[in-house]
C-alpha atoms as a PDB file:
ATOM      1  CA  UNK A   1      13.221 178.464  38.650  1.00  0.00           C
ATOM      2  CA  UNK A   2      15.792 175.666  38.048  1.00  0.00           C
ATOM      3  CA  UNK A   3      15.364 174.584  34.558  1.00  0.00           C
ATOM      4  CA  UNK A   4      16.501 171.468  32.551  1.00  0.00           C
ATOM      5  CA  UNK A   5      16.910 172.551  28.895  1.00  0.00           C
ATOM      6  CA  UNK A   6      17.621 169.991  26.216  1.00  0.00           C
ATOM      7  CA  UNK A   7      19.290 171.157  22.956  1.00  0.00           C
ATOM      8  CA  UNK A   8      20.319 174.190  24.355  1.00  0.00           C
ATOM      9  CA  UNK A   9      23.569 174.399  21.881  1.00  0.00           C
ATOM     10  CA  UNK A  10      20.908 174.894  19.149  1.00  0.00           C
ATOM     11  CA  UNK A  11      19.394 177.873  17.542  1.00  0.00           C
ATOM     12  CA  UNK A  12      16.123 178.314  19.798  1.00  0.00           C
ATOM     13  CA  UNK A  13      17.322 176.557  22.841  1.00  0.00           C
ATOM     14  CA  UNK A  14      20.394 178.866  23.113  1.00  0.00           C
ATOM     15  CA  UNK A  15      18.283 181.982  22.672  1.00  0.00           C
ATOM     16  CA  UNK A  16      15.881 180.586  25.356  1.00  0.00           C
ATOM     17  CA  UNK A  17      18.745 179.919  27.767  1.00  0.00           C
ATOM     18  CA  UNK A  18      19.872 183.530  27.358  1.00  0.00           C
ATOM     19  CA  UNK A  19      16.544 184.920  27.911  1.00  0.00           C
ATOM     20  CA  UNK A  20      15.983 182.602  31.181  1.00  0.00           C
ATOM     21  CA  UNK A  21      19.363 183.438  32.428  1.00  0.00           C
ATOM     22  CA  UNK A  22      18.789 187.191  32.023  1.00  0.00           C
ATOM     23  CA  UNK A  23      15.646 186.884  34.092  1.00  0.00           C
ATOM     24  CA  UNK A  24      17.459 185.330  36.980  1.00  0.00           C
ATOM     25  CA  UNK A  25      16.691 181.542  36.310  1.00  0.00           C
ATOM     26  CA  UNK A  26      19.110 178.842  36.658  1.00  0.00           C
ATOM     27  CA  UNK A  27      19.618 176.767  33.427  1.00  0.00           C
ATOM     28  CA  UNK A  28      21.299 173.280  32.861  1.00  0.00           C
ATOM     29  CA  UNK A  29      21.699 172.600  29.146  1.00  0.00           C
ATOM     30  CA  UNK A  30      21.924 168.911  28.059  1.00  0.00           C
ATOM     31  CA  UNK A  31      23.202 168.509  24.450  1.00  0.00           C
ATOM     32  CA  UNK A  32      25.131 165.783  22.638  1.00  0.00           C
ATOM     33  CA  UNK A  33      26.357 168.487  20.064  1.00  0.00           C
ATOM     34  CA  UNK A  34      25.587 166.238  17.009  1.00  0.00           C
ATOM     35  CA  UNK A  35      23.885 169.314  15.533  1.00  0.00           C
ATOM     36  CA  UNK A  36      24.572 171.999  18.288  1.00  0.00           C
ATOM     37  CA  UNK A  37      27.405 174.345  18.734  1.00  0.00           C
ATOM     38  CA  UNK A  38      28.909 174.367  22.199  1.00  0.00           C
ATOM     39  CA  UNK A  39      29.727 177.998  21.540  1.00  0.00           C
ATOM     40  CA  UNK A  40      26.127 178.899  21.415  1.00  0.00           C
ATOM     41  CA  UNK A  41      25.583 177.733  25.167  1.00  0.00           C
ATOM     42  CA  UNK A  42      25.673 180.751  27.458  1.00  0.00           C
ATOM     43  CA  UNK A  43      28.682 180.982  29.610  1.00  0.00           C
ATOM     44  CA  UNK A  44      26.278 181.268  32.706  1.00  0.00           C
ATOM     45  CA  UNK A  45      24.485 177.990  31.868  1.00  0.00           C
ATOM     46  CA  UNK A  46      25.435 174.721  33.383  1.00  0.00           C
ATOM     47  CA  UNK A  47      26.472 172.542  30.478  1.00  0.00           C
ATOM     48  CA  UNK A  48      26.029 168.691  30.491  1.00  0.00           C
ATOM     49  CA  UNK A  49      27.470 166.985  27.271  1.00  0.00           C
ATOM     50  CA  UNK A  50      25.131 163.861  26.925  1.00  0.00           C
ATOM     51  CA  UNK A  51      22.503 162.262  24.655  1.00  0.00           C
ATOM     52  CA  UNK A  52      19.028 162.784  26.199  1.00  0.00           C
ATOM     53  CA  UNK A  53      18.731 158.911  26.051  1.00  0.00           C
ATOM     54  CA  UNK A  54      21.723 157.966  28.078  1.00  0.00           C
ATOM     55  CA  UNK A  55      20.181 156.257  30.794  1.00  0.00           C
ATOM     56  CA  UNK A  56      23.033 156.441  33.245  1.00  0.00           C
ATOM     57  CA  UNK A  57      24.358 160.017  32.656  1.00  0.00           C
ATOM     58  CA  UNK A  58      20.575 161.479  32.611  1.00  0.00           C
ATOM     59  CA  UNK A  59      19.591 159.587  35.941  1.00  0.00           C
ATOM     60  CA  UNK A  60      22.908 160.721  37.618  1.00  0.00           C
ATOM     61  CA  UNK A  61      22.079 164.300  36.550  1.00  0.00           C
ATOM     62  CA  UNK A  62      18.547 164.085  38.120  1.00  0.00           C
ATOM     63  CA  UNK A  63      19.906 162.493  41.104  1.00  0.00           C
ATOM     64  CA  UNK A  64      22.314 165.414  41.838  1.00  0.00           C
ATOM     65  CA  UNK A  65      19.944 168.285  41.027  1.00  0.00           C
ATOM     66  CA  UNK A  66      16.423 169.340  41.772  1.00  0.00           C
ATOM     67  CA  UNK A  67      14.917 170.812  38.542  1.00  0.00           C
ATOM     68  CA  UNK A  68      11.366 172.665  38.434  1.00  0.00           C
ATOM     69  CA  UNK A  69      10.605 171.897  34.996  1.00  0.00           C
ATOM     70  CA  UNK A  70      11.980 170.670  31.522  1.00  0.00           C
ATOM     71  CA  UNK A  71      12.252 172.560  28.404  1.00  0.00           C
ATOM     72  CA  UNK A  72      12.488 170.219  25.531  1.00  0.00           C
ATOM     73  CA  UNK A  73      14.254 171.565  22.313  1.00  0.00           C
ATOM     74  CA  UNK A  74      16.600 168.558  21.439  1.00  0.00           C
ATOM     75  CA  UNK A  75      15.802 166.873  18.174  1.00  0.00           C
ATOM     76  CA  UNK A  76      16.422 166.905  14.299  1.00  0.00           C
ATOM     77  CA  UNK A  77      14.747 169.503  12.269  1.00  0.00           C
ATOM     78  CA  UNK A  78      15.529 169.179   8.579  1.00  0.00           C
ATOM     79  CA  UNK A  79      12.465 168.232   6.560  1.00  0.00           C
ATOM     80  CA  UNK A  80      14.316 167.091   3.452  1.00  0.00           C
ATOM     81  CA  UNK A  81      16.565 164.701   5.529  1.00  0.00           C
ATOM     82  CA  UNK A  82      13.495 163.370   7.120  1.00  0.00           C
ATOM     83  CA  UNK A  83      12.183 162.319   3.971  1.00  0.00           C
ATOM     84  CA  UNK A  84      15.348 160.336   3.015  1.00  0.00           C
ATOM     85  CA  UNK A  85      15.604 158.910   6.520  1.00  0.00           C
ATOM     86  CA  UNK A  86      12.366 158.761   8.566  1.00  0.00           C
ATOM     87  CA  UNK A  87      13.566 156.238  10.935  1.00  0.00           C
ATOM     88  CA  UNK A  88      16.389 158.392  12.189  1.00  0.00           C
ATOM     89  CA  UNK A  89      13.778 161.142  12.949  1.00  0.00           C
ATOM     90  CA  UNK A  90      11.597 158.691  14.684  1.00  0.00           C
ATOM     91  CA  UNK A  91      14.431 157.651  16.851  1.00  0.00           C
ATOM     92  CA  UNK A  92      15.836 161.014  17.673  1.00  0.00           C
ATOM     93  CA  UNK A  93      12.596 163.061  17.805  1.00  0.00           C
ATOM     94  CA  UNK A  94      10.419 160.506  19.423  1.00  0.00           C
ATOM     95  CA  UNK A  95      11.920 157.311  20.928  1.00  0.00           C
ATOM     96  CA  UNK A  96      14.890 159.207  22.633  1.00  0.00           C
ATOM     97  CA  UNK A  97      12.724 161.726  23.873  1.00  0.00           C
ATOM     98  CA  UNK A  98      10.184 159.476  25.290  1.00  0.00           C
ATOM     99  CA  UNK A  99      13.120 157.593  27.121  1.00  0.00           C
ATOM    100  CA  UNK A 100      14.206 160.931  28.389  1.00  0.00           C
ATOM    101  CA  UNK A 101      10.767 162.019  29.902  1.00  0.00           C
ATOM    102  CA  UNK A 102      10.396 158.435  31.379  1.00  0.00           C
ATOM    103  CA  UNK A 103      13.711 158.990  33.405  1.00  0.00           C
ATOM    104  CA  UNK A 104      12.521 162.438  34.378  1.00  0.00           C
ATOM    105  CA  UNK A 105       9.325 160.920  35.735  1.00  0.00           C
ATOM    106  CA  UNK A 106      11.036 158.412  37.864  1.00  0.00           C
ATOM    107  CA  UNK A 107      12.628 161.494  39.680  1.00  0.00           C
ATOM    108  CA  UNK A 108       9.200 163.431  39.952  1.00  0.00           C
ATOM    109  CA  UNK A 109      10.357 166.061  37.186  1.00  0.00           C
ATOM    110  CA  UNK A 110       6.885 166.275  35.545  1.00  0.00           C
ATOM    111  CA  UNK A 111       6.418 169.705  34.174  1.00  0.00           C
ATOM    112  CA  UNK A 112       7.328 169.784  30.456  1.00  0.00           C
ATOM    113  CA  UNK A 113       7.413 172.586  27.638  1.00  0.00           C
ATOM    114  CA  UNK A 114       7.742 170.898  24.326  1.00  0.00           C
ATOM    115  CA  UNK A 115       9.022 172.571  21.215  1.00  0.00           C
ATOM    116  CA  UNK A 116       6.615 171.339  18.337  1.00  0.00           C
ATOM    117  CA  UNK A 117       6.068 172.675  14.830  1.00  0.00           C
ATOM    118  CA  UNK A 118       3.436 174.163  12.884  1.00  0.00           C
ATOM    119  CA  UNK A 119       4.267 171.293  10.311  1.00  0.00           C
ATOM    120  CA  UNK A 120       1.743 169.011  12.278  1.00  0.00           C
ATOM    121  CA  UNK A 121      -1.055 170.809  10.554  1.00  0.00           C
ATOM    122  CA  UNK A 122       0.100 169.661   7.092  1.00  0.00           C
ATOM    123  CA  UNK A 123      -1.207 171.405   4.046  1.00  0.00           C
ATOM    124  CA  UNK A 124      -3.544 174.108   5.109  1.00  0.00           C
ATOM    125  CA  UNK A 125      -6.979 174.197   3.189  1.00  0.00           C
ATOM    126  CA  UNK A 126      -8.564 177.546   2.254  1.00  0.00           C
ATOM    127  CA  UNK A 127      -5.674 179.520   3.088  1.00  0.00           C
ATOM    128  CA  UNK A 128      -6.998 180.055   6.573  1.00  0.00           C
ATOM    129  CA  UNK A 129      -4.845 180.828   9.586  1.00  0.00           C
ATOM    130  CA  UNK A 130      -4.604 177.712  11.790  1.00  0.00           C
ATOM    131  CA  UNK A 131      -5.987 177.346  15.250  1.00  0.00           C
ATOM    132  CA  UNK A 132      -4.726 174.952  17.839  1.00  0.00           C
ATOM    133  CA  UNK A 133      -7.843 172.602  17.536  1.00  0.00           C
ATOM    134  CA  UNK A 134      -7.815 172.415  13.703  1.00  0.00           C
ATOM    135  CA  UNK A 135      -7.250 168.890  12.241  1.00  0.00           C
ATOM    136  CA  UNK A 136      -3.663 167.791  12.168  1.00  0.00           C
ATOM    137  CA  UNK A 137      -2.291 165.937   9.166  1.00  0.00           C
ATOM    138  CA  UNK A 138       1.853 166.110   9.351  1.00  0.00           C
ATOM    139  CA  UNK A 139       2.896 165.685   5.804  1.00  0.00           C
ATOM    140  CA  UNK A 140       6.578 164.598   6.259  1.00  0.00           C
ATOM    141  CA  UNK A 141       8.456 162.416   8.816  1.00  0.00           C
ATOM    142  CA  UNK A 142       9.898 165.426  10.600  1.00  0.00           C
ATOM    143  CA  UNK A 143       6.354 166.750  11.543  1.00  0.00           C
ATOM    144  CA  UNK A 144       4.996 163.167  12.115  1.00  0.00           C
ATOM    145  CA  UNK A 145       7.900 162.661  14.944  1.00  0.00           C
ATOM    146  CA  UNK A 146       6.731 165.799  16.445  1.00  0.00           C
ATOM    147  CA  UNK A 147       3.146 164.777  16.354  1.00  0.00           C
ATOM    148  CA  UNK A 148       3.808 161.557  17.862  1.00  0.00           C
ATOM    149  CA  UNK A 149       5.674 163.121  20.792  1.00  0.00           C
ATOM    150  CA  UNK A 150       2.625 165.569  21.264  1.00  0.00           C
ATOM    151  CA  UNK A 151       0.377 162.681  21.485  1.00  0.00           C
ATOM    152  CA  UNK A 152       2.494 160.813  24.148  1.00  0.00           C
ATOM    153  CA  UNK A 153       2.668 163.811  26.208  1.00  0.00           C
ATOM    154  CA  UNK A 154      -1.088 164.725  25.986  1.00  0.00           C
ATOM    155  CA  UNK A 155      -1.807 160.998  27.169  1.00  0.00           C
ATOM    156  CA  UNK A 156       0.415 161.356  30.045  1.00  0.00           C
ATOM    157  CA  UNK A 157      -1.302 164.582  30.927  1.00  0.00           C
ATOM    158  CA  UNK A 158      -4.771 162.778  30.597  1.00  0.00           C
ATOM    159  CA  UNK A 159      -3.364 160.115  33.136  1.00  0.00           C
ATOM    160  CA  UNK A 160      -2.340 163.014  35.538  1.00  0.00           C
ATOM    161  CA  UNK A 161       1.443 162.056  35.418  1.00  0.00           C
ATOM    162  CA  UNK A 162       2.623 165.274  33.892  1.00  0.00           C
ATOM    163  CA  UNK A 163       1.643 168.873  32.976  1.00  0.00           C
ATOM    164  CA  UNK A 164       2.933 169.864  29.594  1.00  0.00           C
ATOM    165  CA  UNK A 165       2.619 172.862  27.483  1.00  0.00           C
ATOM    166  CA  UNK A 166       3.085 172.179  23.639  1.00  0.00           C
ATOM    167  CA  UNK A 167       4.378 175.095  21.571  1.00  0.00           C
ATOM    168  CA  UNK A 168       3.967 174.921  17.776  1.00  0.00           C
ATOM    169  CA  UNK A 169       6.388 177.075  16.099  1.00  0.00           C
ATOM    170  CA  UNK A 170       5.834 178.653  12.710  1.00  0.00           C
ATOM    171  CA  UNK A 171       8.960 179.989  10.843  1.00  0.00           C
ATOM    172  CA  UNK A 172      11.566 181.002  13.430  1.00  0.00           C
ATOM    173  CA  UNK A 173      14.050 183.650  12.179  1.00  0.00           C
ATOM    174  CA  UNK A 174      16.470 186.331  13.212  1.00  0.00           C
ATOM    175  CA  UNK A 175      19.007 186.671  15.787  1.00  0.00           C
ATOM    176  CA  UNK A 176      20.033 187.947  19.183  1.00  0.00           C
ATOM    177  CA  UNK A 177      20.081 191.821  19.148  1.00  0.00           C
ATOM    178  CA  UNK A 178      23.710 191.460  20.911  1.00  0.00           C
ATOM    179  CA  UNK A 179      24.768 188.907  18.352  1.00  0.00           C
ATOM    180  CA  UNK A 180      25.436 186.237  20.890  1.00  0.00           C
ATOM    181  CA  UNK A 181      23.505 183.543  19.118  1.00  0.00           C
ATOM    182  CA  UNK A 182      21.675 182.958  15.871  1.00  0.00           C
ATOM    183  CA  UNK A 183      21.225 180.127  13.144  1.00  0.00           C
ATOM    184  CA  UNK A 184      24.295 178.275  12.728  1.00  0.00           C
ATOM    185  CA  UNK A 185      23.636 175.221  10.642  1.00  0.00           C
ATOM    186  CA  UNK A 186      25.311 173.982   7.512  1.00  0.00           C
ATOM    187  CA  UNK A 187      23.271 173.101   4.365  1.00  0.00           C
ATOM    188  CA  UNK A 188      20.156 174.787   5.949  1.00  0.00           C
ATOM    189  CA  UNK A 189      17.029 174.994   3.964  1.00  0.00           C
ATOM    190  CA  UNK A 190      15.953 178.064   6.103  1.00  0.00           C
ATOM    191  CA  UNK A 191      14.791 180.782   3.646  1.00  0.00           C
ATOM    192  CA  UNK A 192      16.166 183.780   5.670  1.00  0.00           C
ATOM    193  CA  UNK A 193      19.485 182.108   6.098  1.00  0.00           C
ATOM    194  CA  UNK A 194      19.759 181.281   2.396  1.00  0.00           C
ATOM    195  CA  UNK A 195      18.696 184.908   1.619  1.00  0.00           C
ATOM    196  CA  UNK A 196      21.510 186.192   4.062  1.00  0.00           C
ATOM    197  CA  UNK A 197      24.277 183.892   2.641  1.00  0.00           C
ATOM    198  CA  UNK A 198      23.142 185.104  -0.856  1.00  0.00           C
ATOM    199  CA  UNK A 199      23.395 188.756   0.348  1.00  0.00           C
ATOM    200  CA  UNK A 200      27.028 188.113   1.579  1.00  0.00           C
ATOM    201  CA  UNK A 201      28.201 185.979  -1.211  1.00  0.00           C
ATOM    202  CA  UNK A 202      28.374 182.901   0.755  1.00  0.00           C
ATOM    203  CA  UNK A 203      26.170 181.280  -1.949  1.00  0.00           C
ATOM    204  CA  UNK A 204      25.980 182.262  -5.630  1.00  0.00           C
ATOM    205  CA  UNK A 205      22.120 182.728  -5.774  1.00  0.00           C
ATOM    206  CA  UNK A 206      18.716 182.156  -4.012  1.00  0.00           C
ATOM    207  CA  UNK A 207      16.662 179.754  -5.595  1.00  0.00           C
ATOM    208  CA  UNK A 208      12.917 180.109  -5.206  1.00  0.00           C
ATOM    209  CA  UNK A 209      11.398 176.605  -5.019  1.00  0.00           C
ATOM    210  CA  UNK A 210       8.129 177.091  -7.073  1.00  0.00           C
ATOM    211  CA  UNK A 211       6.438 180.261  -8.282  1.00  0.00           C
ATOM    212  CA  UNK A 212       3.079 178.750  -9.340  1.00  0.00           C
ATOM    213  CA  UNK A 213       1.320 178.268  -5.989  1.00  0.00           C
ATOM    214  CA  UNK A 214      -2.132 179.737  -5.490  1.00  0.00           C
ATOM    215  CA  UNK A 215      -0.765 182.577  -3.450  1.00  0.00           C
ATOM    216  CA  UNK A 216      -0.524 186.358  -4.082  1.00  0.00           C
ATOM    217  CA  UNK A 217       2.636 186.183  -6.044  1.00  0.00           C
ATOM    218  CA  UNK A 218       2.860 182.302  -6.714  1.00  0.00           C
ATOM    219  CA  UNK A 219       5.417 181.752  -3.898  1.00  0.00           C
ATOM    220  CA  UNK A 220       4.900 180.048  -0.503  1.00  0.00           C
ATOM    221  CA  UNK A 221       3.646 182.273   2.383  1.00  0.00           C
ATOM    222  CA  UNK A 222       5.063 181.845   5.871  1.00  0.00           C
ATOM    223  CA  UNK A 223       4.404 183.476   9.482  1.00  0.00           C
ATOM    224  CA  UNK A 224       8.062 184.436  10.358  1.00  0.00           C
ATOM    225  CA  UNK A 225       8.576 185.045  14.340  1.00  0.00           C
ATOM    226  CA  UNK A 226      11.612 186.495  15.626  1.00  0.00           C
ATOM    227  CA  UNK A 227      13.625 184.049  17.682  1.00  0.00           C
ATOM    228  CA  UNK A 228      13.858 186.511  20.675  1.00  0.00           C
ATOM    229  CA  UNK A 229      10.076 186.675  20.781  1.00  0.00           C
ATOM    230  CA  UNK A 230       9.849 183.042  20.849  1.00  0.00           C
ATOM    231  CA  UNK A 231      12.469 182.846  23.590  1.00  0.00           C
ATOM    232  CA  UNK A 232      10.264 185.229  25.608  1.00  0.00           C
ATOM    233  CA  UNK A 233       7.207 182.850  25.016  1.00  0.00           C
ATOM    234  CA  UNK A 234       9.139 180.068  26.666  1.00  0.00           C
ATOM    235  CA  UNK A 235       9.874 182.411  29.665  1.00  0.00           C
ATOM    236  CA  UNK A 236       6.248 183.230  30.106  1.00  0.00           C
ATOM    237  CA  UNK A 237       5.059 179.735  29.808  1.00  0.00           C
ATOM    238  CA  UNK A 238       7.723 178.494  32.083  1.00  0.00           C
ATOM    239  CA  UNK A 239       6.756 180.831  34.795  1.00  0.00           C
ATOM    240  CA  UNK A 240       3.177 179.909  34.511  1.00  0.00           C
ATOM    241  CA  UNK A 241       3.768 176.135  34.489  1.00  0.00           C
ATOM    242  CA  UNK A 242       6.084 176.546  37.737  1.00  0.00           C
ATOM    243  CA  UNK A 243       3.043 178.069  39.384  1.00  0.00           C
ATOM    244  CA  UNK A 244       1.013 175.008  38.671  1.00  0.00           C
ATOM    245  CA  UNK A 245      -0.284 176.054  35.001  1.00  0.00           C
ATOM    246  CA  UNK A 246      -2.452 173.539  33.131  1.00  0.00           C
ATOM    247  CA  UNK A 247      -1.626 171.456  30.056  1.00  0.00           C
ATOM    248  CA  UNK A 248      -2.238 173.443  26.774  1.00  0.00           C
ATOM    249  CA  UNK A 249      -1.200 173.879  23.347  1.00  0.00           C
ATOM    250  CA  UNK A 250      -0.198 177.193  21.799  1.00  0.00           C
ATOM    251  CA  UNK A 251       0.744 178.383  18.193  1.00  0.00           C
ATOM    252  CA  UNK A 252       3.738 180.562  18.162  1.00  0.00           C
ATOM    253  CA  UNK A 253       3.680 183.061  15.307  1.00  0.00           C
ATOM    254  CA  UNK A 254       2.673 186.560  14.768  1.00  0.00           C
ATOM    255  CA  UNK A 255      -0.486 185.777  12.856  1.00  0.00           C
ATOM    256  CA  UNK A 256       0.554 187.427   9.451  1.00  0.00           C
ATOM    257  CA  UNK A 257       2.492 185.996   6.469  1.00  0.00           C
ATOM    258  CA  UNK A 258       5.178 187.113   4.016  1.00  0.00           C
ATOM    259  CA  UNK A 259       5.847 185.298   0.623  1.00  0.00           C
ATOM    260  CA  UNK A 260       9.123 184.279  -0.369  1.00  0.00           C
ATOM    261  CA  UNK A 261       9.201 186.854  -3.053  1.00  0.00           C
ATOM    262  CA  UNK A 262       8.519 189.398  -0.229  1.00  0.00           C
ATOM    263  CA  UNK A 263      11.264 188.378   1.845  1.00  0.00           C
ATOM    264  CA  UNK A 264      13.673 188.593  -0.845  1.00  0.00           C
ATOM    265  CA  UNK A 265      12.288 192.097  -1.899  1.00  0.00           C
ATOM    266  CA  UNK A 266      12.701 193.179   1.729  1.00  0.00           C
ATOM    267  CA  UNK A 267      16.226 192.022   1.893  1.00  0.00           C
ATOM    268  CA  UNK A 268      17.085 193.868  -1.472  1.00  0.00           C
ATOM    269  CA  UNK A 269      15.733 197.114   0.017  1.00  0.00           C
ATOM    270  CA  UNK A 270      18.126 196.539   2.885  1.00  0.00           C
ATOM    271  CA  UNK A 271      21.015 195.863   0.721  1.00  0.00           C
ATOM    272  CA  UNK A 272      19.989 198.613  -1.903  1.00  0.00           C
ATOM    273  CA  UNK A 273      20.754 196.269  -4.678  1.00  0.00           C
ATOM    274  CA  UNK A 274      19.058 193.178  -6.275  1.00  0.00           C
ATOM    275  CA  UNK A 275      20.039 189.621  -5.430  1.00  0.00           C
ATOM    276  CA  UNK A 276      20.764 186.983  -7.908  1.00  0.00           C
ATOM    277  CA  UNK A 277      17.822 184.583  -7.813  1.00  0.00           C
ATOM    278  CA  UNK A 278      16.286 181.802 -10.076  1.00  0.00           C
ATOM    279  CA  UNK A 279      13.160 179.774 -10.052  1.00  0.00           C
ATOM    280  CA  UNK A 280      13.714 176.124  -9.166  1.00  0.00           C
ATOM    281  CA  UNK A 281      11.183 173.127  -8.829  1.00  0.00           C
ATOM    282  CA  UNK A 282       8.693 172.939  -6.071  1.00  0.00           C
ATOM    283  CA  UNK A 283      10.002 171.002  -3.093  1.00  0.00           C
ATOM    284  CA  UNK A 284       8.227 167.734  -2.253  1.00  0.00           C
ATOM    285  CA  UNK A 285       5.377 168.143   0.086  1.00  0.00           C
ATOM    286  CA  UNK A 286       6.060 171.958   0.534  1.00  0.00           C
ATOM    287  CA  UNK A 287       3.118 173.706   2.222  1.00  0.00           C
ATOM    288  CA  UNK A 288       1.829 176.724   0.052  1.00  0.00           C
ATOM    289  CA  UNK A 289       0.537 178.724   3.162  1.00  0.00           C
ATOM    290  CA  UNK A 290       1.252 178.620   6.896  1.00  0.00           C
ATOM    291  CA  UNK A 291       0.064 181.471   9.148  1.00  0.00           C
ATOM    292  CA  UNK A 292      -0.587 181.090  12.951  1.00  0.00           C
ATOM    293  CA  UNK A 293      -4.042 182.108  14.487  1.00  0.00           C
ATOM    294  CA  UNK A 294      -2.220 183.304  17.685  1.00  0.00           C
ATOM    295  CA  UNK A 295      -5.160 184.710  19.431  1.00  0.00           C
ATOM    296  CA  UNK A 296      -5.320 181.985  22.107  1.00  0.00           C
ATOM    297  CA  UNK A 297      -1.695 182.735  23.453  1.00  0.00           C
ATOM    298  CA  UNK A 298      -1.976 186.551  22.977  1.00  0.00           C
ATOM    299  CA  UNK A 299      -5.326 186.580  25.241  1.00  0.00           C
ATOM    300  CA  UNK A 300      -4.116 184.218  27.771  1.00  0.00           C
ATOM    301  CA  UNK A 301      -0.875 185.947  28.480  1.00  0.00           C
ATOM    302  CA  UNK A 302      -1.462 189.566  27.197  1.00  0.00           C
ATOM    303  CA  UNK A 303       1.375 189.052  25.052  1.00  0.00           C
ATOM    304  CA  UNK A 304       2.795 191.837  22.808  1.00  0.00           C
ATOM    305  CA  UNK A 305       5.733 190.782  20.665  1.00  0.00           C
ATOM    306  CA  UNK A 306       8.649 193.010  20.578  1.00  0.00           C
ATOM    307  CA  UNK A 307      10.171 192.273  17.158  1.00  0.00           C
ATOM    308  CA  UNK A 308       7.247 191.760  14.881  1.00  0.00           C
ATOM    309  CA  UNK A 309       8.936 193.544  12.024  1.00  0.00           C
ATOM    310  CA  UNK A 310      10.257 191.597   8.782  1.00  0.00           C
ATOM    311  CA  UNK A 311      12.864 194.413   8.209  1.00  0.00           C
ATOM    312  CA  UNK A 312      14.377 193.893  11.742  1.00  0.00           C
ATOM    313  CA  UNK A 313      14.193 190.012  11.472  1.00  0.00           C
ATOM    314  CA  UNK A 314      16.244 190.303   8.320  1.00  0.00           C
ATOM    315  CA  UNK A 315      18.902 192.830   9.671  1.00  0.00           C
ATOM    316  CA  UNK A 316      19.481 190.741  12.792  1.00  0.00           C
ATOM    317  CA  UNK A 317      19.903 187.668  10.789  1.00  0.00           C
ATOM    318  CA  UNK A 318      22.281 189.551   8.430  1.00  0.00           C
ATOM    319  CA  UNK A 319      24.438 190.668  11.226  1.00  0.00           C
ATOM    320  CA  UNK A 320      24.558 187.279  12.801  1.00  0.00           C
ATOM    321  CA  UNK A 321      25.533 185.792   9.226  1.00  0.00           C
ATOM    322  CA  UNK A 322      28.386 188.492   8.897  1.00  0.00           C
ATOM    323  CA  UNK A 323      29.555 187.221  12.095  1.00  0.00           C
ATOM    324  CA  UNK A 324      30.066 183.561  11.492  1.00  0.00           C
ATOM    325  CA  UNK A 325      32.606 182.001   9.217  1.00  0.00           C
END
């Protein structure tokens, strides 16, 4: 396959690029580097420095290349920032993406794999694992921007203009086993990154945002999926889509959850000492429980994850954190 991949200088996009290239596919990365790191783009990928909404640049790229499909990772991902600046998130995650897809359609490029978020489900009631057809109630502007783009793609699919696979990510964590890529974001609210930074004395302590939720130990529960398993999911659906697979939505998680305290305790076991921690206030609109029902994807593709192990997820993230300055 010849794949046009947006946001390939970011965390998940770079891992997916590595996975695709290892399997013999050709990858062209489009990234404007406002949040990405060019050092994460695999050396064997073709790199195109551009905003996805730059009409002239993107149309020239499409004119000069024949791509089989799009993998769309580009976008902003910080929930707290989206609460402060919802217009920015609507612009980058919806308006620019919509413009980009419209340019692609002009050149007959109409197979799209879109990285969405479990945030579209909002606050899950009754602490049940969410299914793809559950009610969608995004509770922050970040999730809303992803939801809007989902709806746009599904409408285009109904009109037979495109085929699109929407992947709803749960909590992505860990790093490449060869330490070629990992999460490299300043001021990240990612729990596992914060735990790794605390372990390596890059931050003073880990702040637990609320311990009075109605969960097993009072802290929020999340479904953590290793980034390399998520990259493989993109490979699987990419090959399926290339063989005329149909429009679909899939949850991307392991179907099991760990609380914030359980993640910290597991890291303390790895380190063989306790981390400095404190209880802080709840974060606005934080979701108490978010775990995937992943049966649809597993049964469709006979998928067996390779890295479904919290200890391994944490160790790989810690090794990456040691590497970066």
